[in-house]
N, C-alpha and C. Protein backbone atom coordinates (compact mmCIF):
# COMPACT_ATOMS: atom_id res chain seq x y z
N UNK A 1 0.82 -1.20 0.00
CA UNK A 1 0.00 0.00 0.00
C UNK A 1 0.86 1.26 0.00
N UNK A 2 2.04 1.18 0.53
CA UNK A 2 2.92 2.35 0.57
C UNK A 2 2.56 3.26 1.72
N UNK A 3 3.28 4.37 1.80
CA UNK A 3 3.03 5.33 2.86
C UNK A 3 3.43 6.71 2.39
N UNK A 4 2.96 7.72 3.08
CA UNK A 4 3.37 9.09 2.86
C UNK A 4 3.04 9.87 4.12
N UNK A 5 3.99 10.66 4.57
CA UNK A 5 3.79 11.40 5.81
C UNK A 5 3.66 12.89 5.53
N UNK A 6 4.67 13.49 4.94
CA UNK A 6 4.68 14.93 4.71
C UNK A 6 4.47 15.27 3.23
N UNK A 7 3.82 16.40 3.00
CA UNK A 7 3.60 16.93 1.65
C UNK A 7 4.46 18.17 1.40
N UNK A 8 5.57 18.23 2.05
CA UNK A 8 6.47 19.36 1.91
C UNK A 8 7.41 19.39 3.09
N UNK A 9 8.31 20.36 3.13
CA UNK A 9 9.25 20.43 4.25
C UNK A 9 8.54 20.74 5.56
N UNK A 10 9.05 20.22 6.67
CA UNK A 10 8.44 20.49 7.97
C UNK A 10 8.90 21.84 8.52
N UNK A 11 8.40 22.91 7.91
CA UNK A 11 8.77 24.26 8.34
C UNK A 11 8.45 24.48 9.81
N UNK A 12 9.27 25.30 10.45
CA UNK A 12 8.98 25.75 11.81
C UNK A 12 7.98 26.89 11.74
N UNK A 13 6.92 26.80 12.54
CA UNK A 13 5.91 27.85 12.68
C UNK A 13 5.23 28.20 11.35
N UNK A 14 4.80 27.20 10.58
CA UNK A 14 4.12 27.51 9.33
C UNK A 14 2.78 28.19 9.59
N UNK A 15 2.29 28.98 8.64
CA UNK A 15 1.00 29.64 8.85
C UNK A 15 -0.14 28.63 9.08
N UNK A 16 -0.09 27.52 8.34
CA UNK A 16 -1.12 26.48 8.51
C UNK A 16 -0.47 25.12 8.35
N UNK A 17 -0.84 24.22 9.24
CA UNK A 17 -0.51 22.81 9.10
C UNK A 17 -1.81 22.11 8.73
N UNK A 18 -1.87 21.57 7.53
CA UNK A 18 -3.03 20.82 7.06
C UNK A 18 -2.79 19.34 7.36
N UNK A 19 -3.76 18.70 8.00
CA UNK A 19 -3.64 17.29 8.31
C UNK A 19 -4.78 16.54 7.61
N UNK A 20 -4.40 15.64 6.71
CA UNK A 20 -5.37 14.80 6.04
C UNK A 20 -5.46 13.46 6.74
N UNK A 21 -6.49 12.71 6.42
CA UNK A 21 -6.69 11.40 7.05
C UNK A 21 -5.55 10.46 6.70
N UNK A 22 -5.31 10.27 5.40
CA UNK A 22 -4.24 9.40 4.95
C UNK A 22 -3.95 9.72 3.49
N UNK A 23 -2.79 9.26 3.00
CA UNK A 23 -2.48 9.55 1.61
C UNK A 23 -3.40 8.77 0.68
N UNK A 24 -3.93 9.45 -0.29
CA UNK A 24 -4.76 8.79 -1.29
C UNK A 24 -3.90 8.17 -2.37
N UNK A 25 -4.56 7.73 -3.40
CA UNK A 25 -3.84 7.11 -4.51
C UNK A 25 -3.68 5.62 -4.31
N UNK A 26 -3.16 5.00 -5.32
CA UNK A 26 -3.00 3.56 -5.27
C UNK A 26 -1.59 3.13 -5.58
N UNK A 27 -1.47 1.92 -6.06
CA UNK A 27 -0.16 1.32 -6.34
C UNK A 27 0.61 2.12 -7.38
N UNK A 28 -0.09 2.63 -8.40
CA UNK A 28 0.59 3.41 -9.44
C UNK A 28 1.21 4.68 -8.86
N UNK A 29 0.45 5.36 -8.00
CA UNK A 29 0.96 6.58 -7.37
C UNK A 29 2.18 6.28 -6.50
N UNK A 30 2.08 5.20 -5.75
CA UNK A 30 3.18 4.80 -4.88
C UNK A 30 4.43 4.49 -5.71
N UNK A 31 4.25 3.73 -6.79
CA UNK A 31 5.39 3.36 -7.65
C UNK A 31 6.01 4.60 -8.28
N UNK A 32 5.17 5.53 -8.75
CA UNK A 32 5.68 6.77 -9.36
C UNK A 32 6.47 7.59 -8.35
N UNK A 33 5.94 7.71 -7.14
CA UNK A 33 6.63 8.48 -6.11
C UNK A 33 7.95 7.82 -5.70
N UNK A 34 7.95 6.50 -5.65
CA UNK A 34 9.21 5.80 -5.34
C UNK A 34 10.26 6.08 -6.41
N UNK A 35 9.85 6.02 -7.68
CA UNK A 35 10.79 6.31 -8.78
C UNK A 35 11.30 7.75 -8.71
N UNK A 36 10.44 8.66 -8.25
CA UNK A 36 10.82 10.07 -8.13
C UNK A 36 11.63 10.36 -6.87
N UNK A 37 11.87 9.33 -6.04
CA UNK A 37 12.66 9.51 -4.83
C UNK A 37 11.91 10.09 -3.65
N UNK A 38 10.59 9.93 -3.66
CA UNK A 38 9.77 10.53 -2.60
C UNK A 38 10.14 10.05 -1.20
N UNK A 39 10.62 8.82 -1.07
CA UNK A 39 10.95 8.31 0.26
C UNK A 39 12.38 8.67 0.68
N UNK A 40 13.08 9.40 -0.17
CA UNK A 40 14.44 9.83 0.16
C UNK A 40 14.44 11.16 0.90
N UNK A 41 13.34 11.86 0.92
CA UNK A 41 13.25 13.16 1.57
C UNK A 41 11.87 13.73 1.32
N UNK A 42 11.69 14.99 1.63
CA UNK A 42 10.39 15.61 1.40
C UNK A 42 10.48 16.57 0.24
N UNK A 43 9.35 16.91 -0.36
CA UNK A 43 9.36 17.86 -1.47
C UNK A 43 9.93 19.22 -1.03
N UNK A 44 10.44 19.97 -1.98
CA UNK A 44 11.05 21.28 -1.68
C UNK A 44 10.03 22.30 -1.20
N UNK A 45 8.80 22.13 -1.62
CA UNK A 45 7.73 23.06 -1.25
C UNK A 45 6.46 22.24 -1.03
N UNK A 46 5.53 22.77 -0.27
CA UNK A 46 4.28 22.06 0.00
C UNK A 46 3.59 21.71 -1.31
N UNK A 47 3.31 20.43 -1.50
CA UNK A 47 2.74 19.96 -2.75
C UNK A 47 1.33 20.50 -3.01
N UNK A 48 0.64 20.97 -2.00
CA UNK A 48 -0.68 21.56 -2.23
C UNK A 48 -0.56 22.81 -3.11
N UNK A 49 0.61 23.42 -3.14
CA UNK A 49 0.82 24.61 -3.98
C UNK A 49 1.18 24.26 -5.41
N UNK A 50 1.54 23.00 -5.68
CA UNK A 50 2.09 22.68 -7.00
C UNK A 50 1.44 21.51 -7.73
N UNK A 51 0.84 20.58 -7.01
CA UNK A 51 0.36 19.35 -7.65
C UNK A 51 -0.98 19.52 -8.34
N UNK A 52 -1.31 18.59 -9.21
CA UNK A 52 -2.55 18.66 -9.99
C UNK A 52 -3.70 17.87 -9.36
N UNK A 53 -3.51 17.31 -8.18
CA UNK A 53 -4.59 16.55 -7.55
C UNK A 53 -5.78 17.46 -7.30
N UNK A 54 -6.95 16.84 -7.23
CA UNK A 54 -8.19 17.57 -6.97
C UNK A 54 -8.11 18.37 -5.66
N UNK A 55 -7.58 17.73 -4.60
CA UNK A 55 -7.46 18.43 -3.31
C UNK A 55 -6.54 19.64 -3.43
N UNK A 56 -5.39 19.48 -4.07
CA UNK A 56 -4.45 20.59 -4.22
C UNK A 56 -5.09 21.73 -5.02
N UNK A 57 -5.82 21.39 -6.06
CA UNK A 57 -6.51 22.40 -6.88
C UNK A 57 -7.45 23.24 -6.00
N UNK A 58 -8.30 22.56 -5.23
CA UNK A 58 -9.26 23.30 -4.41
C UNK A 58 -8.57 24.10 -3.32
N UNK A 59 -7.49 23.58 -2.77
CA UNK A 59 -6.77 24.33 -1.74
C UNK A 59 -6.15 25.60 -2.32
N UNK A 60 -5.61 25.51 -3.53
CA UNK A 60 -5.06 26.72 -4.17
C UNK A 60 -6.16 27.75 -4.42
N UNK A 61 -7.32 27.28 -4.84
CA UNK A 61 -8.43 28.20 -5.08
C UNK A 61 -8.88 28.89 -3.79
N UNK A 62 -8.81 28.17 -2.68
CA UNK A 62 -9.28 28.71 -1.41
C UNK A 62 -8.24 29.53 -0.66
N UNK A 63 -6.98 29.11 -0.74
CA UNK A 63 -5.95 29.73 0.10
C UNK A 63 -4.83 30.42 -0.68
N UNK A 64 -4.74 30.15 -1.98
CA UNK A 64 -3.69 30.75 -2.80
C UNK A 64 -2.40 29.97 -2.76
N UNK A 65 -1.76 29.86 -3.90
CA UNK A 65 -0.51 29.08 -4.01
C UNK A 65 0.60 29.68 -3.16
N UNK A 66 0.67 31.01 -3.10
CA UNK A 66 1.76 31.65 -2.36
C UNK A 66 1.70 31.27 -0.89
N UNK A 67 0.53 31.33 -0.28
CA UNK A 67 0.40 30.94 1.12
C UNK A 67 0.73 29.46 1.29
N UNK A 68 0.22 28.63 0.40
CA UNK A 68 0.42 27.19 0.53
C UNK A 68 1.89 26.81 0.44
N UNK A 69 2.71 27.56 -0.28
CA UNK A 69 4.14 27.23 -0.35
C UNK A 69 4.80 27.32 1.03
N UNK A 70 4.21 28.10 1.93
CA UNK A 70 4.77 28.27 3.27
C UNK A 70 4.10 27.37 4.32
N UNK A 71 3.12 26.59 3.87
CA UNK A 71 2.38 25.70 4.77
C UNK A 71 2.97 24.30 4.74
N UNK A 72 2.46 23.47 5.63
CA UNK A 72 2.89 22.07 5.70
C UNK A 72 1.66 21.19 5.58
N UNK A 73 1.81 20.10 4.84
CA UNK A 73 0.78 19.08 4.75
C UNK A 73 1.27 17.81 5.42
N UNK A 74 0.41 17.13 6.13
CA UNK A 74 0.77 15.97 6.93
C UNK A 74 -0.41 15.00 6.91
N UNK A 75 -0.12 13.72 6.99
CA UNK A 75 -1.17 12.71 7.12
C UNK A 75 -1.27 12.24 8.55
N UNK A 76 -2.50 11.99 9.00
CA UNK A 76 -2.70 11.43 10.34
C UNK A 76 -2.36 9.94 10.34
N UNK A 77 -2.78 9.25 9.30
CA UNK A 77 -2.47 7.84 9.10
C UNK A 77 -1.51 7.79 7.92
N UNK A 78 -0.36 7.21 8.11
CA UNK A 78 0.69 7.27 7.09
C UNK A 78 0.52 6.25 5.97
N UNK A 79 -0.33 5.24 6.18
CA UNK A 79 -0.49 4.16 5.21
C UNK A 79 -1.40 4.60 4.06
N UNK A 80 -0.95 4.37 2.84
CA UNK A 80 -1.68 4.80 1.65
C UNK A 80 -2.81 3.83 1.32
N UNK A 81 -3.91 4.41 0.86
CA UNK A 81 -5.03 3.65 0.29
C UNK A 81 -5.76 4.59 -0.65
N UNK A 82 -6.36 4.05 -1.71
CA UNK A 82 -7.06 4.93 -2.65
C UNK A 82 -8.15 5.77 -1.98
N UNK A 83 -8.84 5.20 -1.01
CA UNK A 83 -9.88 5.91 -0.27
C UNK A 83 -9.93 5.33 1.14
N UNK A 84 -10.45 6.12 2.07
CA UNK A 84 -10.57 5.66 3.46
C UNK A 84 -11.44 4.40 3.52
N UNK A 85 -12.50 4.37 2.73
CA UNK A 85 -13.40 3.21 2.74
C UNK A 85 -12.64 1.94 2.34
N UNK A 86 -11.77 2.04 1.36
CA UNK A 86 -10.98 0.87 0.93
C UNK A 86 -10.01 0.46 2.03
N UNK A 87 -9.38 1.43 2.67
CA UNK A 87 -8.49 1.15 3.79
C UNK A 87 -9.23 0.36 4.87
N UNK A 88 -10.43 0.82 5.21
CA UNK A 88 -11.21 0.16 6.26
C UNK A 88 -11.64 -1.25 5.86
N UNK A 89 -11.92 -1.45 4.57
CA UNK A 89 -12.37 -2.76 4.10
C UNK A 89 -11.22 -3.75 3.94
N UNK A 90 -10.02 -3.26 3.62
CA UNK A 90 -8.92 -4.16 3.31
C UNK A 90 -7.93 -4.37 4.45
N UNK A 91 -7.98 -3.52 5.46
CA UNK A 91 -7.06 -3.65 6.59
C UNK A 91 -7.89 -3.99 7.83
N UNK A 92 -7.55 -5.09 8.45
CA UNK A 92 -8.29 -5.55 9.63
C UNK A 92 -8.31 -4.48 10.72
N UNK A 93 -9.40 -4.41 11.46
CA UNK A 93 -9.53 -3.38 12.49
C UNK A 93 -8.42 -3.47 13.53
N UNK A 94 -7.98 -4.68 13.86
CA UNK A 94 -6.89 -4.82 14.84
C UNK A 94 -5.59 -4.22 14.29
N UNK A 95 -5.36 -4.35 13.01
CA UNK A 95 -4.17 -3.76 12.39
C UNK A 95 -4.32 -2.24 12.31
N UNK A 96 -5.52 -1.76 11.96
CA UNK A 96 -5.75 -0.31 11.91
C UNK A 96 -5.52 0.32 13.29
N UNK A 97 -5.94 -0.38 14.34
CA UNK A 97 -5.71 0.13 15.70
C UNK A 97 -4.22 0.27 15.98
N UNK A 98 -3.43 -0.71 15.56
CA UNK A 98 -1.97 -0.63 15.75
C UNK A 98 -1.37 0.50 14.93
N UNK A 99 -1.87 0.69 13.72
CA UNK A 99 -1.38 1.78 12.87
C UNK A 99 -1.69 3.12 13.53
N UNK A 100 -2.90 3.28 14.05
CA UNK A 100 -3.26 4.52 14.74
C UNK A 100 -2.39 4.75 15.97
N UNK A 101 -2.14 3.70 16.74
CA UNK A 101 -1.29 3.84 17.93
C UNK A 101 0.13 4.26 17.57
N UNK A 102 0.56 3.88 16.37
CA UNK A 102 1.88 4.28 15.90
C UNK A 102 1.86 5.70 15.36
N UNK A 103 0.90 6.01 14.49
CA UNK A 103 0.90 7.28 13.75
C UNK A 103 0.47 8.50 14.57
N UNK A 104 -0.63 8.39 15.30
CA UNK A 104 -1.21 9.58 15.94
C UNK A 104 -0.27 10.25 16.94
N UNK A 105 0.44 9.51 17.80
CA UNK A 105 1.39 10.20 18.69
C UNK A 105 2.51 10.89 17.91
N UNK A 106 2.90 10.33 16.80
CA UNK A 106 3.96 10.95 15.99
C UNK A 106 3.46 12.22 15.31
N UNK A 107 2.19 12.25 14.94
CA UNK A 107 1.60 13.48 14.41
C UNK A 107 1.66 14.56 15.49
N UNK A 108 1.29 14.20 16.71
CA UNK A 108 1.33 15.17 17.81
C UNK A 108 2.77 15.64 18.07
N UNK A 109 3.74 14.74 17.97
CA UNK A 109 5.14 15.14 18.14
C UNK A 109 5.56 16.11 17.04
N UNK A 110 5.17 15.83 15.81
CA UNK A 110 5.51 16.74 14.70
C UNK A 110 4.88 18.11 14.91
N UNK A 111 3.65 18.14 15.40
CA UNK A 111 3.00 19.42 15.69
C UNK A 111 3.79 20.17 16.76
N UNK A 112 4.19 19.49 17.80
CA UNK A 112 4.96 20.14 18.87
C UNK A 112 6.27 20.71 18.36
N UNK A 113 6.91 20.01 17.45
CA UNK A 113 8.19 20.48 16.90
C UNK A 113 7.98 21.64 15.92
N UNK A 114 6.98 21.52 15.04
CA UNK A 114 6.77 22.56 14.02
C UNK A 114 6.09 23.81 14.57
N UNK A 115 5.28 23.68 15.59
CA UNK A 115 4.57 24.80 16.20
C UNK A 115 3.81 25.64 15.15
N UNK A 116 2.87 25.02 14.46
CA UNK A 116 2.13 25.78 13.44
C UNK A 116 1.26 26.87 14.06
N UNK A 117 1.02 27.91 13.28
CA UNK A 117 0.14 29.00 13.73
C UNK A 117 -1.31 28.56 13.77
N UNK A 118 -1.70 27.69 12.82
CA UNK A 118 -3.05 27.13 12.77
C UNK A 118 -2.94 25.67 12.36
N UNK A 119 -3.87 24.88 12.84
CA UNK A 119 -3.97 23.48 12.42
C UNK A 119 -5.34 23.31 11.77
N UNK A 120 -5.32 22.72 10.57
CA UNK A 120 -6.56 22.49 9.85
C UNK A 120 -6.63 21.02 9.47
N UNK A 121 -7.64 20.35 9.98
CA UNK A 121 -7.91 18.97 9.63
C UNK A 121 -8.75 18.98 8.35
N UNK A 122 -8.26 18.29 7.33
CA UNK A 122 -9.01 18.21 6.08
C UNK A 122 -9.99 17.05 6.22
N UNK A 123 -11.23 17.39 6.47
CA UNK A 123 -12.27 16.39 6.71
C UNK A 123 -12.52 16.21 8.19
N UNK A 124 -13.78 16.06 8.53
CA UNK A 124 -14.16 15.87 9.93
C UNK A 124 -13.64 14.54 10.48
N UNK A 125 -13.55 13.52 9.64
CA UNK A 125 -13.07 12.20 10.09
C UNK A 125 -11.64 12.28 10.61
N UNK A 126 -10.86 13.17 10.03
CA UNK A 126 -9.47 13.31 10.49
C UNK A 126 -9.45 13.82 11.92
N UNK A 127 -10.24 14.85 12.20
CA UNK A 127 -10.29 15.37 13.57
C UNK A 127 -10.86 14.33 14.53
N UNK A 128 -11.77 13.49 14.04
CA UNK A 128 -12.34 12.43 14.88
C UNK A 128 -11.27 11.47 15.38
N UNK A 129 -10.21 11.26 14.61
CA UNK A 129 -9.10 10.40 15.06
C UNK A 129 -8.48 10.92 16.35
N UNK A 130 -8.57 12.23 16.57
CA UNK A 130 -7.94 12.86 17.74
C UNK A 130 -8.97 13.26 18.80
N UNK A 131 -10.19 12.77 18.69
CA UNK A 131 -11.19 13.06 19.71
C UNK A 131 -12.39 13.85 19.23
N UNK A 132 -12.37 14.31 17.99
CA UNK A 132 -13.53 15.00 17.44
C UNK A 132 -13.56 16.48 17.76
N UNK A 133 -14.66 17.09 17.40
CA UNK A 133 -14.82 18.53 17.60
C UNK A 133 -16.28 18.90 17.66
N UNK A 134 -16.53 20.17 17.82
CA UNK A 134 -17.89 20.70 17.88
C UNK A 134 -18.10 21.62 16.67
N UNK A 135 -19.35 21.68 16.18
CA UNK A 135 -19.62 22.56 15.04
C UNK A 135 -19.19 24.00 15.33
N UNK A 136 -18.65 24.63 14.30
CA UNK A 136 -18.16 26.00 14.42
C UNK A 136 -18.89 26.91 13.44
N UNK A 137 -18.67 26.70 12.17
CA UNK A 137 -19.26 27.54 11.13
C UNK A 137 -20.30 26.73 10.37
N UNK A 138 -21.47 27.34 10.19
CA UNK A 138 -22.53 26.70 9.41
C UNK A 138 -22.97 27.63 8.30
N UNK A 139 -23.47 27.03 7.22
CA UNK A 139 -23.99 27.86 6.14
C UNK A 139 -25.45 28.22 6.43
N UNK A 140 -26.09 28.91 5.51
CA UNK A 140 -27.46 29.38 5.71
C UNK A 140 -28.47 28.25 5.85
N UNK A 141 -28.13 27.07 5.34
CA UNK A 141 -29.03 25.92 5.43
C UNK A 141 -28.75 25.05 6.65
N UNK A 142 -27.79 25.45 7.49
CA UNK A 142 -27.47 24.71 8.69
C UNK A 142 -26.41 23.62 8.51
N UNK A 143 -25.82 23.54 7.32
CA UNK A 143 -24.76 22.54 7.09
C UNK A 143 -23.49 22.99 7.80
N UNK A 144 -22.91 22.11 8.58
CA UNK A 144 -21.66 22.43 9.27
C UNK A 144 -20.52 22.46 8.25
N UNK A 145 -19.81 23.57 8.21
CA UNK A 145 -18.69 23.75 7.30
C UNK A 145 -17.35 23.55 8.00
N UNK A 146 -17.28 23.97 9.26
CA UNK A 146 -16.06 23.76 10.05
C UNK A 146 -16.43 23.33 11.46
N UNK A 147 -15.50 22.64 12.08
CA UNK A 147 -15.61 22.26 13.48
C UNK A 147 -14.34 22.72 14.19
N UNK A 148 -14.42 22.81 15.50
CA UNK A 148 -13.25 23.14 16.32
C UNK A 148 -13.04 21.99 17.32
N UNK A 149 -11.79 21.59 17.45
CA UNK A 149 -11.42 20.56 18.40
C UNK A 149 -9.99 20.76 18.81
N UNK A 150 -9.36 19.69 19.25
CA UNK A 150 -7.95 19.74 19.65
C UNK A 150 -7.23 18.55 19.06
N UNK A 151 -6.00 18.80 18.70
CA UNK A 151 -5.07 17.73 18.36
C UNK A 151 -3.92 17.90 19.32
N UNK A 152 -3.78 16.94 20.21
CA UNK A 152 -2.85 17.12 21.31
C UNK A 152 -3.39 18.24 22.18
N UNK A 153 -2.55 19.17 22.52
CA UNK A 153 -2.97 20.30 23.36
C UNK A 153 -3.33 21.53 22.53
N UNK A 154 -3.33 21.40 21.21
CA UNK A 154 -3.52 22.57 20.36
C UNK A 154 -4.90 22.62 19.71
N UNK A 155 -5.42 23.83 19.59
CA UNK A 155 -6.69 24.05 18.91
C UNK A 155 -6.54 23.66 17.44
N UNK A 156 -7.57 23.01 16.92
CA UNK A 156 -7.56 22.61 15.52
C UNK A 156 -8.93 22.86 14.90
N UNK A 157 -8.92 23.30 13.67
CA UNK A 157 -10.14 23.42 12.88
C UNK A 157 -10.26 22.20 12.01
N UNK A 158 -11.47 21.81 11.73
CA UNK A 158 -11.73 20.76 10.74
C UNK A 158 -12.67 21.35 9.71
N UNK A 159 -12.45 20.98 8.47
CA UNK A 159 -13.32 21.42 7.39
C UNK A 159 -14.03 20.21 6.80
N UNK A 160 -15.12 20.47 6.11
CA UNK A 160 -15.64 19.43 5.23
C UNK A 160 -14.47 18.99 4.37
N UNK A 161 -14.50 17.77 3.88
CA UNK A 161 -13.37 17.35 3.04
C UNK A 161 -13.37 18.21 1.78
N UNK A 162 -12.27 18.88 1.53
CA UNK A 162 -12.22 19.90 0.48
C UNK A 162 -12.26 19.35 -0.94
N UNK A 163 -12.05 18.04 -1.10
CA UNK A 163 -12.20 17.45 -2.44
C UNK A 163 -13.26 16.37 -2.47
N UNK A 164 -13.63 15.83 -1.32
CA UNK A 164 -14.58 14.73 -1.30
C UNK A 164 -16.02 15.15 -1.08
N UNK A 165 -16.25 16.34 -0.56
CA UNK A 165 -17.61 16.81 -0.28
C UNK A 165 -18.05 17.77 -1.39
N UNK A 166 -19.33 17.78 -1.64
CA UNK A 166 -19.90 18.76 -2.57
C UNK A 166 -20.03 20.08 -1.82
N UNK A 167 -19.21 21.06 -2.19
CA UNK A 167 -19.18 22.34 -1.48
C UNK A 167 -19.40 23.45 -2.50
N UNK A 168 -20.32 24.33 -2.22
CA UNK A 168 -20.59 25.45 -3.12
C UNK A 168 -19.43 26.45 -3.09
N UNK A 169 -19.37 27.28 -4.10
CA UNK A 169 -18.33 28.32 -4.16
C UNK A 169 -18.43 29.25 -2.96
N UNK A 170 -19.65 29.62 -2.60
CA UNK A 170 -19.86 30.50 -1.45
C UNK A 170 -19.37 29.83 -0.16
N UNK A 171 -19.72 28.55 0.03
CA UNK A 171 -19.28 27.84 1.23
C UNK A 171 -17.77 27.65 1.26
N UNK A 172 -17.14 27.42 0.11
CA UNK A 172 -15.67 27.34 0.08
C UNK A 172 -15.07 28.66 0.53
N UNK A 173 -15.66 29.76 0.07
CA UNK A 173 -15.17 31.07 0.47
C UNK A 173 -15.35 31.27 1.99
N UNK A 174 -16.47 30.85 2.52
CA UNK A 174 -16.72 30.95 3.96
C UNK A 174 -15.69 30.14 4.75
N UNK A 175 -15.44 28.92 4.28
CA UNK A 175 -14.46 28.06 4.96
C UNK A 175 -13.08 28.71 4.93
N UNK A 176 -12.66 29.16 3.74
CA UNK A 176 -11.35 29.80 3.60
C UNK A 176 -11.22 31.02 4.51
N UNK A 177 -12.24 31.86 4.52
CA UNK A 177 -12.21 33.06 5.36
C UNK A 177 -12.14 32.71 6.84
N UNK A 178 -12.88 31.68 7.24
CA UNK A 178 -12.86 31.28 8.65
C UNK A 178 -11.46 30.81 9.07
N UNK A 179 -10.85 30.01 8.22
CA UNK A 179 -9.52 29.51 8.54
C UNK A 179 -8.50 30.65 8.57
N UNK A 180 -8.56 31.52 7.60
CA UNK A 180 -7.56 32.59 7.48
C UNK A 180 -7.71 33.69 8.51
N UNK A 181 -8.91 33.84 9.08
CA UNK A 181 -9.12 34.91 10.05
C UNK A 181 -9.21 34.40 11.49
N UNK A 182 -9.00 33.11 11.67
CA UNK A 182 -9.12 32.52 13.02
C UNK A 182 -8.02 33.01 13.93
């Protein structure tokens, strides 16, 4: 299945640390990244500012490439799977528990070392790994757009999944503004 931890250099005090549930993609992505030397180090700049993935595209639209180059991307679960649902179906729950016991404390250690200005969980499920959160920002129809919780001892925001959820342009703007003005 492969693994991926960081989506760029682990800058000290980045404006935003984005934490996703786990690396997406499949065997082809893993093989391509291995050929490109991905496991030899981290990318020179946060990949959300440069890559063509759907998530990176939406993040650039919401936060701008210039800001994203100074941010850090991190996975809560380091093991790759095309989708969380596939991970849950193909990896036994006892093994997933061991993976979480390994990964989550290391995520908290990385946060302590990097000291980000803001932490943003991409998707509510990611924040749920660390204890969940409470609704924060809602749209006019009552849909929760962001939640607030904690990862370790630090405040964290969670957003609807920026590539997996159907989000209107107005709601994307609301989410971006909430994160940037928090």
